[in-house]
N, C-alpha and C. Protein backbone atom coordinates (compact mmCIF):
# COMPACT_ATOMS: atom_id res chain seq x y z
N MET A 1 -55.81 -150.07 -137.36
CA MET A 1 -56.83 -150.55 -136.42
C MET A 1 -56.43 -150.60 -135.01
N LYS A 2 -55.04 -151.24 -135.05
CA LYS A 2 -54.39 -151.49 -133.61
C LYS A 2 -54.29 -150.06 -132.97
N LYS A 3 -53.74 -149.08 -133.89
CA LYS A 3 -53.69 -147.77 -133.25
C LYS A 3 -54.82 -147.02 -132.63
N ILE A 4 -55.94 -147.43 -133.31
CA ILE A 4 -57.13 -146.89 -132.72
C ILE A 4 -57.50 -147.44 -131.32
N LEU A 5 -57.41 -148.87 -131.29
CA LEU A 5 -57.62 -149.71 -130.01
C LEU A 5 -56.77 -149.04 -128.99
N VAL A 6 -55.41 -148.87 -129.21
CA VAL A 6 -54.50 -148.44 -128.21
C VAL A 6 -54.95 -147.03 -127.96
N LEU A 7 -55.26 -146.03 -128.58
CA LEU A 7 -55.60 -144.77 -128.39
C LEU A 7 -56.83 -144.77 -127.51
N SER A 8 -57.67 -145.57 -127.84
CA SER A 8 -59.07 -145.74 -127.20
C SER A 8 -58.71 -146.12 -125.70
N ALA A 9 -58.02 -147.11 -125.52
CA ALA A 9 -57.49 -147.58 -124.20
C ALA A 9 -56.91 -146.65 -123.35
N ILE A 10 -56.01 -145.73 -123.84
CA ILE A 10 -55.38 -144.73 -123.27
C ILE A 10 -56.39 -143.56 -122.82
N VAL A 11 -57.20 -143.25 -123.65
CA VAL A 11 -58.22 -142.28 -123.42
C VAL A 11 -59.28 -142.88 -122.15
N LEU A 12 -59.68 -144.04 -122.14
CA LEU A 12 -60.43 -144.56 -121.19
C LEU A 12 -59.63 -144.54 -119.86
N LEU A 13 -58.25 -145.07 -119.81
CA LEU A 13 -57.48 -145.06 -118.62
C LEU A 13 -57.26 -143.57 -118.29
N THR A 14 -57.11 -142.71 -119.02
CA THR A 14 -56.98 -141.39 -118.62
C THR A 14 -58.18 -140.80 -118.01
N GLY A 15 -59.38 -141.02 -118.63
CA GLY A 15 -60.67 -140.41 -118.15
C GLY A 15 -61.12 -141.15 -116.80
N CYS A 16 -60.76 -142.40 -116.42
CA CYS A 16 -61.07 -143.05 -115.25
C CYS A 16 -60.54 -142.19 -113.98
N GLY A 17 -59.15 -141.74 -114.05
CA GLY A 17 -58.54 -141.09 -113.23
C GLY A 17 -58.24 -141.83 -111.84
N GLY A 18 -58.39 -143.14 -111.77
CA GLY A 18 -58.06 -144.01 -110.56
C GLY A 18 -59.10 -143.93 -109.53
N SER A 19 -58.88 -144.19 -108.42
CA SER A 19 -59.75 -144.31 -107.45
C SER A 19 -60.43 -143.02 -106.79
N LYS A 20 -61.59 -142.96 -106.42
CA LYS A 20 -62.15 -141.74 -105.75
C LYS A 20 -61.62 -141.45 -104.41
N ILE A 21 -61.36 -142.53 -103.69
CA ILE A 21 -60.82 -142.48 -102.42
C ILE A 21 -59.41 -143.10 -102.26
N GLN A 22 -58.49 -142.39 -101.84
CA GLN A 22 -57.26 -142.88 -101.78
C GLN A 22 -56.78 -142.82 -100.33
N LEU A 23 -56.27 -143.93 -99.76
CA LEU A 23 -55.79 -144.11 -98.44
C LEU A 23 -54.42 -144.19 -98.49
N ASN A 24 -53.67 -143.65 -97.41
CA ASN A 24 -52.25 -143.93 -97.22
C ASN A 24 -51.90 -144.39 -95.88
N ASN A 25 -51.31 -145.72 -95.69
CA ASN A 25 -50.72 -146.24 -94.58
C ASN A 25 -49.51 -145.53 -93.90
N GLY A 26 -49.82 -144.36 -93.13
CA GLY A 26 -48.79 -143.77 -92.25
C GLY A 26 -48.57 -144.24 -91.01
N THR A 27 -48.79 -145.54 -90.67
CA THR A 27 -48.60 -146.06 -89.38
C THR A 27 -47.23 -146.50 -89.31
N GLY A 28 -46.33 -146.75 -90.26
CA GLY A 28 -45.09 -147.31 -90.13
C GLY A 28 -45.00 -148.87 -90.04
N MET A 29 -46.26 -149.52 -90.09
CA MET A 29 -46.31 -150.98 -89.84
C MET A 29 -46.92 -151.57 -90.94
N GLU A 30 -46.65 -153.00 -91.10
CA GLU A 30 -47.31 -153.87 -92.19
C GLU A 30 -48.64 -154.05 -91.48
N LEU A 31 -49.80 -153.74 -92.18
CA LEU A 31 -50.95 -154.02 -91.81
C LEU A 31 -51.48 -155.15 -92.27
N GLU A 32 -52.23 -156.01 -91.33
CA GLU A 32 -52.81 -157.21 -91.78
C GLU A 32 -54.28 -156.96 -92.44
N THR A 33 -54.97 -156.02 -91.94
CA THR A 33 -56.31 -155.64 -92.66
C THR A 33 -56.50 -154.09 -92.36
N VAL A 34 -57.16 -153.46 -93.30
CA VAL A 34 -57.67 -152.19 -93.25
C VAL A 34 -59.02 -152.15 -93.57
N THR A 35 -59.95 -151.62 -92.76
CA THR A 35 -61.35 -151.42 -93.35
C THR A 35 -61.76 -150.12 -93.18
N LEU A 36 -62.40 -149.75 -94.35
CA LEU A 36 -62.90 -148.33 -94.48
C LEU A 36 -64.40 -148.44 -94.50
N THR A 37 -65.16 -147.72 -93.55
CA THR A 37 -66.55 -147.74 -93.52
C THR A 37 -67.06 -146.32 -93.74
N ILE A 38 -68.00 -146.06 -94.75
CA ILE A 38 -68.66 -144.85 -94.85
C ILE A 38 -70.17 -145.08 -94.88
N GLU A 39 -70.60 -144.56 -93.75
CA GLU A 39 -72.15 -144.82 -93.49
C GLU A 39 -72.43 -146.34 -93.33
N GLU A 40 -73.10 -146.98 -94.41
CA GLU A 40 -73.36 -148.23 -94.40
C GLU A 40 -72.37 -149.17 -95.40
N ASN A 41 -71.53 -148.61 -96.07
CA ASN A 41 -70.74 -149.37 -96.92
C ASN A 41 -69.36 -149.47 -96.51
N SER A 42 -68.88 -150.53 -96.59
CA SER A 42 -67.37 -150.91 -96.14
C SER A 42 -66.69 -151.69 -97.33
N GLU A 43 -65.31 -151.59 -97.20
CA GLU A 43 -64.46 -152.20 -98.01
C GLU A 43 -63.13 -152.62 -97.19
N THR A 44 -62.64 -153.70 -97.36
CA THR A 44 -61.50 -154.29 -96.54
C THR A 44 -60.47 -154.67 -97.38
N TRP A 45 -59.16 -154.22 -97.08
CA TRP A 45 -57.99 -154.75 -97.82
C TRP A 45 -57.06 -155.49 -96.78
N HIS A 46 -56.10 -156.24 -97.34
CA HIS A 46 -55.20 -157.23 -96.61
C HIS A 46 -53.83 -156.81 -97.03
N ASN A 47 -53.10 -156.92 -96.02
CA ASN A 47 -51.45 -156.84 -96.23
C ASN A 47 -51.17 -155.60 -96.96
N ILE A 48 -51.23 -154.46 -96.35
CA ILE A 48 -50.93 -153.31 -96.53
C ILE A 48 -49.53 -152.92 -95.99
N ALA A 49 -48.58 -152.57 -96.85
CA ALA A 49 -47.16 -152.38 -96.50
C ALA A 49 -47.19 -150.68 -95.89
N PRO A 50 -46.02 -150.43 -95.25
CA PRO A 50 -46.08 -149.05 -94.56
C PRO A 50 -45.87 -148.09 -95.95
N ASP A 51 -46.47 -146.94 -95.85
CA ASP A 51 -46.51 -145.73 -96.76
C ASP A 51 -47.14 -146.16 -97.91
N LYS A 52 -47.91 -147.39 -98.00
CA LYS A 52 -48.57 -147.71 -99.27
C LYS A 52 -49.86 -146.81 -99.53
N THR A 53 -50.06 -146.56 -100.75
CA THR A 53 -51.36 -145.69 -101.04
C THR A 53 -52.21 -146.85 -101.79
N PHE A 54 -53.33 -146.88 -101.55
CA PHE A 54 -54.46 -147.91 -102.00
C PHE A 54 -55.66 -146.96 -102.15
N GLY A 55 -56.63 -147.59 -102.86
CA GLY A 55 -58.05 -146.72 -103.14
C GLY A 55 -59.13 -147.62 -103.04
N SER A 56 -60.29 -146.82 -103.24
CA SER A 56 -61.64 -147.34 -103.35
C SER A 56 -62.44 -146.43 -104.22
N ASP A 57 -63.42 -146.96 -104.78
CA ASP A 57 -64.24 -146.29 -105.60
C ASP A 57 -65.72 -146.23 -104.73
N MET A 58 -65.68 -146.21 -103.54
CA MET A 58 -66.95 -146.04 -102.58
C MET A 58 -67.33 -144.69 -102.95
N ALA A 59 -68.68 -144.47 -102.83
CA ALA A 59 -69.11 -142.99 -102.91
C ALA A 59 -69.56 -142.63 -101.56
N PHE A 60 -69.63 -141.22 -101.42
CA PHE A 60 -69.99 -140.83 -100.32
C PHE A 60 -71.54 -140.28 -100.47
N PRO A 61 -72.36 -140.52 -99.45
CA PRO A 61 -73.57 -140.02 -99.79
C PRO A 61 -73.94 -138.53 -99.60
N GLN A 62 -75.08 -138.19 -100.09
CA GLN A 62 -75.33 -136.70 -100.09
C GLN A 62 -75.38 -136.21 -98.66
N GLY A 63 -74.72 -135.00 -98.30
CA GLY A 63 -74.91 -134.62 -96.96
C GLY A 63 -73.70 -135.11 -96.23
N ALA A 64 -73.81 -134.86 -94.84
CA ALA A 64 -72.89 -135.36 -93.82
C ALA A 64 -72.67 -136.87 -93.79
N ALA A 65 -71.53 -137.35 -93.57
CA ALA A 65 -71.21 -138.72 -93.53
C ALA A 65 -70.17 -138.90 -92.52
N SER A 66 -70.14 -140.12 -92.02
CA SER A 66 -69.21 -140.50 -91.04
C SER A 66 -68.24 -141.48 -91.56
N ILE A 67 -66.97 -141.38 -91.32
CA ILE A 67 -65.93 -142.25 -91.85
C ILE A 67 -65.24 -142.92 -90.76
N LEU A 68 -65.46 -144.26 -90.87
CA LEU A 68 -64.77 -145.05 -89.85
C LEU A 68 -63.62 -145.89 -90.43
N LEU A 69 -62.33 -145.77 -89.79
CA LEU A 69 -61.21 -146.30 -90.46
C LEU A 69 -60.74 -147.32 -89.23
N GLU A 70 -60.63 -148.60 -89.50
CA GLU A 70 -60.08 -149.55 -88.63
C GLU A 70 -58.95 -150.64 -89.45
N TRP A 71 -57.89 -150.67 -88.65
CA TRP A 71 -56.84 -151.40 -89.06
C TRP A 71 -56.21 -152.52 -87.86
N GLU A 72 -55.54 -153.46 -88.51
CA GLU A 72 -54.99 -154.46 -87.39
C GLU A 72 -53.40 -154.73 -87.92
N ALA A 73 -52.89 -154.84 -86.70
CA ALA A 73 -51.38 -155.35 -87.13
C ALA A 73 -50.82 -156.02 -85.78
N ASN A 74 -50.18 -156.94 -85.89
CA ASN A 74 -49.55 -157.57 -84.78
C ASN A 74 -50.59 -158.08 -83.56
N GLY A 75 -51.83 -158.51 -84.01
CA GLY A 75 -52.80 -158.75 -83.01
C GLY A 75 -53.36 -157.58 -82.24
N GLN A 76 -52.91 -156.38 -82.65
CA GLN A 76 -53.46 -155.24 -82.16
C GLN A 76 -54.42 -154.44 -83.09
N GLN A 77 -55.52 -153.75 -82.53
CA GLN A 77 -56.50 -153.01 -83.35
C GLN A 77 -56.47 -151.63 -83.09
N TRP A 78 -56.73 -150.87 -84.09
CA TRP A 78 -56.80 -149.69 -83.83
C TRP A 78 -58.07 -149.04 -84.65
N SER A 79 -58.68 -147.91 -84.42
CA SER A 79 -59.93 -147.28 -85.08
C SER A 79 -59.88 -145.81 -84.94
N MET A 80 -60.20 -145.13 -85.94
CA MET A 80 -60.45 -143.69 -85.72
C MET A 80 -61.82 -143.32 -86.68
N GLU A 81 -62.38 -142.38 -86.10
CA GLU A 81 -63.78 -141.91 -86.70
C GLU A 81 -63.52 -140.44 -87.18
N TYR A 82 -64.30 -140.09 -88.16
CA TYR A 82 -63.98 -138.80 -88.73
C TYR A 82 -65.33 -138.31 -89.52
N ALA A 83 -65.93 -137.12 -89.22
CA ALA A 83 -67.03 -136.41 -89.90
C ALA A 83 -66.56 -135.91 -91.11
N ALA A 84 -67.02 -136.44 -92.29
CA ALA A 84 -66.80 -135.82 -93.59
C ALA A 84 -67.62 -134.61 -93.81
N ILE A 85 -67.03 -133.54 -94.68
CA ILE A 85 -67.87 -132.40 -94.86
C ILE A 85 -68.95 -132.66 -95.70
N ASP A 86 -70.02 -131.78 -95.66
CA ASP A 86 -71.12 -132.04 -96.41
C ASP A 86 -71.09 -132.25 -97.94
N SER A 87 -70.26 -131.70 -98.30
CA SER A 87 -69.89 -131.64 -99.93
C SER A 87 -69.06 -132.64 -100.51
N ALA A 88 -68.75 -133.62 -99.48
CA ALA A 88 -67.89 -134.69 -99.99
C ALA A 88 -68.29 -135.77 -101.12
N SER A 89 -69.49 -135.63 -101.28
CA SER A 89 -70.04 -136.43 -102.51
C SER A 89 -69.67 -135.87 -103.78
N TYR A 90 -69.42 -134.52 -103.70
CA TYR A 90 -69.05 -133.63 -104.93
C TYR A 90 -67.45 -133.64 -105.27
N ALA A 91 -66.72 -134.24 -104.22
CA ALA A 91 -65.28 -134.39 -104.52
C ALA A 91 -64.83 -135.09 -105.62
N GLU A 92 -63.97 -134.77 -106.55
CA GLU A 92 -63.47 -135.80 -107.40
C GLU A 92 -62.55 -136.71 -106.77
N ARG A 93 -61.95 -136.34 -105.75
CA ARG A 93 -60.90 -137.34 -105.03
C ARG A 93 -60.93 -136.88 -103.58
N VAL A 94 -60.77 -138.07 -102.63
CA VAL A 94 -60.81 -137.80 -101.16
C VAL A 94 -59.53 -138.47 -100.98
N SER A 95 -58.51 -137.86 -100.12
CA SER A 95 -57.36 -138.51 -99.76
C SER A 95 -57.23 -138.60 -98.19
N ILE A 96 -57.04 -139.79 -97.79
CA ILE A 96 -57.14 -140.17 -96.40
C ILE A 96 -55.58 -140.53 -95.95
N PHE A 97 -55.05 -139.99 -95.09
CA PHE A 97 -53.76 -140.28 -94.49
C PHE A 97 -53.93 -140.77 -93.06
N PHE A 98 -53.55 -141.93 -92.68
CA PHE A 98 -53.89 -142.37 -91.30
C PHE A 98 -52.59 -142.81 -90.77
N ALA A 99 -52.34 -142.61 -89.44
CA ALA A 99 -51.38 -143.11 -88.51
C ALA A 99 -51.97 -143.42 -87.22
N SER A 100 -51.11 -144.03 -86.41
CA SER A 100 -51.64 -144.65 -85.10
C SER A 100 -52.28 -143.55 -84.15
N ASP A 101 -51.90 -142.05 -84.39
CA ASP A 101 -52.67 -141.13 -83.54
C ASP A 101 -53.33 -140.05 -84.30
N GLU A 102 -53.25 -140.18 -85.53
CA GLU A 102 -54.08 -139.13 -86.52
C GLU A 102 -54.65 -139.88 -87.79
N MET A 103 -55.56 -138.94 -88.14
CA MET A 103 -56.16 -139.24 -89.58
C MET A 103 -56.51 -137.70 -90.05
N SER A 104 -56.04 -137.59 -91.37
CA SER A 104 -56.24 -136.28 -92.15
C SER A 104 -56.98 -136.73 -93.39
N VAL A 105 -57.97 -135.90 -93.66
CA VAL A 105 -58.79 -136.10 -94.75
C VAL A 105 -58.67 -134.89 -95.62
N ASN A 106 -58.38 -135.19 -96.83
CA ASN A 106 -58.43 -133.84 -97.89
C ASN A 106 -59.17 -134.22 -99.13
N TYR A 107 -59.82 -133.09 -99.50
CA TYR A 107 -60.91 -133.12 -100.61
C TYR A 107 -60.27 -132.38 -101.77
N SER A 108 -60.44 -132.96 -103.03
CA SER A 108 -60.22 -132.36 -104.31
C SER A 108 -61.48 -132.11 -105.05
N PHE A 109 -61.76 -130.94 -105.42
CA PHE A 109 -63.01 -130.58 -106.09
C PHE A 109 -62.65 -130.11 -107.57
């Protein structure tokens, strides 16, 4: 019985595959807050270490969508906006790398 429960848990964890959206802090700074906004939905994280990857299960809407990423460190604020591709809602995973002067978005289908 225990073996069946353990195998079921492993199958469930494998099937979930983690977060749909993965973000990576490429700023080189400890960030106090990071806020990701996709159209009307947003999520905020706190105390993000440099080079840390973290995730969200937010969904992209059908069609074109705008991504707004805002972060704060040492009393300073930064933000970047990006236009997602029309088929972003079909992606299995979206990876967002951000630094103080760039944002890169990659899609895995």
